[in-house]
Protein backbone atom coordinates (compact mmCIF):
# COMPACT_ATOMS: atom_id res chain seq x y z
CA MET A 1 27.14 2.50 17.11
CA PRO A 2 28.54 3.59 12.66
CA ASP A 3 28.12 8.03 11.90
CA ARG A 4 25.60 6.81 9.83
CA ALA A 5 22.42 4.74 9.42
CA ALA A 6 20.12 2.97 6.52
CA ILE A 7 17.25 0.31 5.96
CA VAL A 8 17.23 -0.96 2.29
CA THR A 9 13.93 -2.94 1.57
CA GLY A 10 13.67 -5.78 -1.34
CA ALA A 11 17.47 -5.86 0.09
CA SER A 12 17.95 -9.68 -1.16
CA SER A 13 18.87 -9.08 -4.67
CA GLY A 14 19.08 -6.28 -7.43
CA ILE A 15 18.53 -2.34 -7.08
CA GLY A 16 18.46 -3.38 -3.48
CA LEU A 17 21.06 -5.32 -3.30
CA ALA A 18 24.09 -2.91 -5.06
CA ILE A 19 22.34 0.47 -2.98
CA ALA A 20 23.12 -1.72 0.14
CA ARG A 21 26.17 -1.81 -0.84
CA MET A 22 26.74 1.39 -1.81
CA LEU A 23 25.71 2.38 2.14
CA ALA A 24 27.56 0.03 3.50
CA GLU A 25 31.04 0.94 1.78
CA GLU A 26 29.67 4.24 2.85
CA GLY A 27 30.24 3.87 6.14
CA HIS A 28 26.41 3.16 6.97
CA GLY A 29 24.76 1.00 9.12
CA VAL A 30 22.45 -1.02 7.38
CA THR A 31 18.83 -2.90 7.67
CA LEU A 32 18.85 -5.41 4.88
CA VAL A 33 15.22 -5.56 5.02
CA ALA A 34 12.93 -8.31 1.65
CA ARG A 35 9.99 -11.19 2.14
CA ARG A 36 12.12 -14.66 1.80
CA PRO A 37 14.54 -15.35 4.58
CA GLN A 38 16.64 -17.54 2.84
CA LYS A 39 17.34 -15.76 -0.02
CA LEU A 40 17.81 -12.46 2.38
CA GLN A 41 19.93 -14.57 4.91
CA VAL A 42 22.32 -14.70 1.53
CA ALA A 43 22.54 -11.59 1.30
CA TYR A 44 22.67 -10.59 4.58
CA ASP A 45 26.05 -13.90 4.38
CA GLN A 46 27.20 -12.11 1.82
CA LEU A 47 27.86 -8.49 2.78
CA SER A 48 29.24 -9.31 6.21
CA ALA A 49 32.02 -12.11 5.40
CA GLU A 50 32.94 -8.76 3.10
CA GLY A 51 33.14 -6.60 6.29
CA LEU A 52 30.39 -4.39 6.31
CA ASP A 53 27.64 -3.58 9.37
CA VAL A 54 24.52 -4.90 7.84
CA ARG A 55 22.14 -6.55 9.66
CA HIS A 56 18.94 -8.09 8.40
CA ALA A 57 15.66 -8.70 8.63
CA ALA A 58 12.49 -10.50 6.93
CA ALA A 59 9.46 -8.74 6.48
CA ASN A 60 6.40 -8.75 4.14
CA VAL A 61 5.76 -4.49 3.64
CA GLY A 62 2.79 -5.37 2.57
CA ASP A 63 1.84 -5.86 6.59
CA GLU A 64 1.82 -3.05 8.72
CA ALA A 65 2.72 -4.78 11.69
CA ASP A 66 6.40 -5.44 10.09
CA ILE A 67 6.99 -2.61 8.98
CA ALA A 68 6.39 -1.25 12.67
CA ARG A 69 8.98 -3.92 14.36
CA VAL A 70 11.06 -3.64 11.11
CA VAL A 71 11.36 0.14 11.91
CA SER A 72 11.69 -1.00 15.87
CA ASP A 73 14.52 -3.29 15.45
CA HIS A 74 16.95 -0.61 13.31
CA ALA A 75 15.97 1.83 15.97
CA ASN A 76 17.67 -0.52 18.24
CA ALA A 77 20.25 -1.97 16.36
CA TYR A 78 21.71 1.37 15.30
CA GLY A 79 20.22 4.16 17.05
CA ARG A 80 18.95 6.88 14.26
CA LEU A 81 18.70 6.36 10.52
CA ASP A 82 19.62 9.08 7.79
CA VAL A 83 18.28 7.07 4.16
CA LEU A 84 15.41 4.68 3.43
CA VAL A 85 15.52 3.25 0.60
CA ASN A 86 12.10 2.21 -0.31
CA ASN A 87 12.99 -0.47 -3.01
CA ALA A 88 10.11 -3.41 -2.90
CA GLY A 89 8.42 -3.74 -5.46
CA ILE A 90 6.42 -6.44 -7.62
CA GLY A 91 5.26 -5.85 -10.77
CA ILE A 92 2.19 -8.07 -12.63
CA GLY A 93 1.17 -8.00 -15.74
CA ALA A 94 -2.14 -9.05 -17.17
CA PRO A 95 -4.90 -7.88 -19.47
CA ILE A 96 -7.69 -5.27 -17.11
CA GLY A 97 -9.68 -8.41 -17.79
CA GLU A 98 -8.02 -11.55 -16.25
CA LEU A 99 -7.21 -8.56 -13.20
CA THR A 100 -7.20 -10.50 -10.21
CA ALA A 101 -8.07 -8.66 -7.06
CA LYS A 102 -5.11 -10.50 -5.19
CA ARG A 103 -3.00 -9.60 -7.42
CA MET A 104 -3.80 -6.31 -7.65
CA ASP A 105 -3.77 -6.40 -3.61
CA ILE A 106 -0.16 -6.98 -3.37
CA GLN A 107 0.77 -4.63 -6.23
CA LEU A 108 -0.74 -2.11 -4.06
CA ALA A 109 0.85 -3.59 -0.94
CA THR A 110 3.67 -3.62 -1.83
CA ASN A 111 4.66 -0.82 -4.71
CA LEU A 112 2.41 1.87 -3.00
CA ARG A 113 1.15 1.49 0.73
CA SER A 114 4.66 0.21 2.53
CA LEU A 115 5.83 4.02 1.38
CA PRO A 116 3.19 6.44 3.81
CA LEU A 117 3.70 3.65 6.49
CA PHE A 118 7.11 3.20 6.06
CA TYR A 119 8.13 6.93 6.24
CA ARG A 120 5.21 7.11 9.22
CA GLU A 121 7.38 5.03 11.72
CA ALA A 122 10.68 7.09 10.70
CA LEU A 123 9.73 10.16 10.61
CA ASP A 124 10.83 10.94 14.14
CA LEU A 125 14.16 8.84 13.10
CA LEU A 126 14.67 10.41 9.96
CA SER A 127 13.55 14.13 11.81
CA ALA A 128 16.62 13.74 13.63
CA ALA A 129 18.72 12.94 10.84
CA GLY A 130 17.56 16.20 9.70
CA GLU A 131 17.35 18.01 12.03
CA GLU A 132 21.12 17.04 12.80
CA HIS A 133 22.79 17.87 9.26
CA ALA A 134 20.04 18.42 7.03
CA ASN A 135 20.27 16.21 4.61
CA ALA A 136 18.17 13.17 5.51
CA LEU A 137 17.42 11.11 1.98
CA VAL A 138 14.27 8.73 1.64
CA VAL A 139 15.19 6.99 -1.83
CA ASN A 140 11.68 5.37 -3.54
CA THR A 141 12.09 3.14 -6.22
CA SER A 142 9.39 3.69 -9.45
CA SER A 143 9.52 2.91 -12.96
CA VAL A 144 8.55 4.33 -16.52
CA ALA A 145 5.85 3.09 -15.87
CA GLY A 146 4.60 5.25 -13.33
CA LYS A 147 5.15 8.38 -16.06
CA GLN A 148 3.11 6.65 -18.93
CA GLY A 149 0.78 3.96 -18.33
CA GLU A 150 1.56 0.49 -19.83
CA ALA A 151 -1.02 -1.79 -20.91
CA TRP A 152 -0.64 -5.18 -19.49
CA LEU A 153 1.10 -3.35 -16.79
CA SER A 154 -1.96 -1.26 -15.69
CA VAL A 155 -1.33 -1.95 -11.86
CA TYR A 156 1.31 -1.98 -11.30
CA SER A 157 1.98 1.47 -13.43
CA ALA A 158 -0.87 2.71 -11.76
CA THR A 159 1.80 1.93 -8.59
CA LYS A 160 4.62 3.53 -10.05
CA ALA A 161 2.21 6.98 -11.18
CA GLY A 162 1.14 6.78 -6.60
CA VAL A 163 5.35 6.78 -5.90
CA ILE A 164 5.63 9.81 -8.09
CA ALA A 165 2.98 11.69 -6.40
CA PHE A 166 3.61 10.62 -3.32
CA THR A 167 7.70 11.93 -3.64
CA GLN A 168 6.53 15.34 -4.76
CA ALA A 169 4.08 15.62 -1.88
CA MET A 170 7.02 14.72 1.37
CA ASN A 171 9.17 16.84 -0.18
CA ARG A 172 7.10 19.65 0.39
CA GLU A 173 5.28 18.28 3.36
CA LEU A 174 9.21 17.28 5.32
CA GLY A 175 11.34 19.55 4.03
CA ASP A 176 11.45 21.94 5.87
CA ARG A 177 12.40 19.30 8.66
CA GLY A 178 16.03 18.56 6.09
CA ILE A 179 14.17 15.70 4.52
CA LYS A 180 14.40 15.11 1.00
CA SER A 181 12.68 12.39 -0.98
CA THR A 182 13.28 11.33 -4.72
CA ALA A 183 11.73 9.09 -6.76
CA LEU A 184 14.24 7.09 -9.19
CA CYS A 185 12.06 5.85 -12.56
CA PRO A 186 14.10 3.59 -14.46
CA ALA A 187 12.91 1.66 -17.87
CA PHE A 188 14.58 -1.71 -17.85
CA VAL A 189 16.69 -2.92 -15.02
CA ASP A 190 19.63 -5.47 -16.02
CA THR A 191 17.62 -7.95 -12.57
CA ALA A 192 15.93 -11.71 -12.76
CA MET A 193 12.49 -8.83 -12.87
CA THR A 194 12.99 -8.39 -16.22
CA GLU A 195 14.33 -11.93 -17.67
CA PHE A 196 11.21 -11.64 -19.18
CA VAL A 197 11.47 -9.94 -21.79
CA ARG A 198 15.17 -10.58 -22.57
CA ASP A 199 14.30 -11.94 -25.21
CA ARG A 200 13.55 -8.56 -26.84
CA VAL A 201 15.67 -6.12 -24.93
CA ALA A 202 19.11 -7.78 -24.49
CA PRO A 203 20.92 -7.02 -20.23
CA GLN A 204 23.47 -5.17 -22.14
CA GLU A 205 21.18 -2.78 -23.83
CA MET A 206 19.46 -2.31 -19.85
CA ILE A 207 20.75 -0.34 -17.23
CA GLN A 208 22.29 -1.56 -14.68
CA THR A 209 22.41 -1.52 -11.22
CA SER A 210 25.17 0.23 -11.29
CA ASP A 211 23.63 2.84 -12.48
CA ILE A 212 21.31 3.39 -10.49
CA VAL A 213 23.29 2.98 -7.90
CA ALA A 214 25.69 5.82 -9.04
CA ALA A 215 22.61 7.78 -9.30
CA VAL A 216 21.94 6.64 -4.90
CA ARG A 217 25.89 7.52 -4.29
CA MET A 218 25.31 11.61 -6.05
CA LEU A 219 22.55 11.84 -3.80
CA LEU A 220 23.94 11.41 -1.11
CA THR A 221 26.87 13.87 -1.76
CA LEU A 222 24.27 17.02 -2.43
CA SER A 223 24.58 19.43 -0.21
CA ALA A 224 21.38 20.74 2.41
CA GLY A 225 20.27 23.23 -0.08
CA CYS A 226 19.51 20.54 -3.05
CA VAL A 227 16.22 18.29 -3.91
CA VAL A 228 16.53 15.67 -6.36
CA PRO A 229 12.24 15.27 -6.73
CA GLU A 230 13.28 12.20 -8.91
CA ILE A 231 15.19 10.43 -12.14
CA VAL A 232 14.75 8.36 -14.75
CA PHE A 233 16.67 6.15 -16.48
CA GLN A 234 16.04 5.96 -20.36
CA LEU A 235 17.14 2.65 -22.84
CA PRO A 236 18.72 4.23 -25.46
CA GLY A 237 17.61 6.44 -27.91
CA GLY A 238 14.50 6.91 -25.41
CA ARG A 239 12.88 3.49 -26.06
CA GLN A 240 9.32 3.49 -23.82
CA LEU A 241 8.39 -0.12 -22.58
CA GLU A 242 5.05 -0.20 -25.09
CA GLY A 243 5.41 -2.39 -27.28
CA MET A 244 7.92 -4.47 -25.55
CA ILE A 245 5.67 -6.45 -23.43
């Protein structure tokens, strides 16, 4: 059994995969979670071939039963949970007059509803880690769109604002258990999710997954008495999303 263990959602590519690799390299046993089994298998094979202690669980984080299964399987495999990364997310842009309930609901379920369900299911494991070393960590991926609501991304913005507020609430509620929560709020990150805007923002001008990884690595090194509730990653010059989408 490893001395530390983590669950990372949205771990088959992009930010999630980069964070999962770093955690495994830092000695965590990591459960990779993603919706698409084939894509997840590729990520698992890649990290496993590097000699890292990882396992994988295909799941829809919008489904309550899937979340319970992921946490239970992780507990059976590793016996502990020190880091939970709620990274899975989806953004579907549309003018409000063309919004469909289906597209709204999938964003609400994936981006926001999944967080309290993961906290609930993982609470005993996180509390045990917090009691042991007072540094259990939950990282929740939000967005700068959660800091300032964006036209065309109205529902996505609302879910990401909810992530920030929920993170704040969890720090107030769980701080005395040694459980810390941090919301990551990046602008455009150079991943497949931002391909739609690359004609206006070059990949090299975007935030890199290595920047996100560096921030999470820093959070792992903090003393028990230090909580960072939110980290905002801006584009050069402080440019906002408005006018780019």
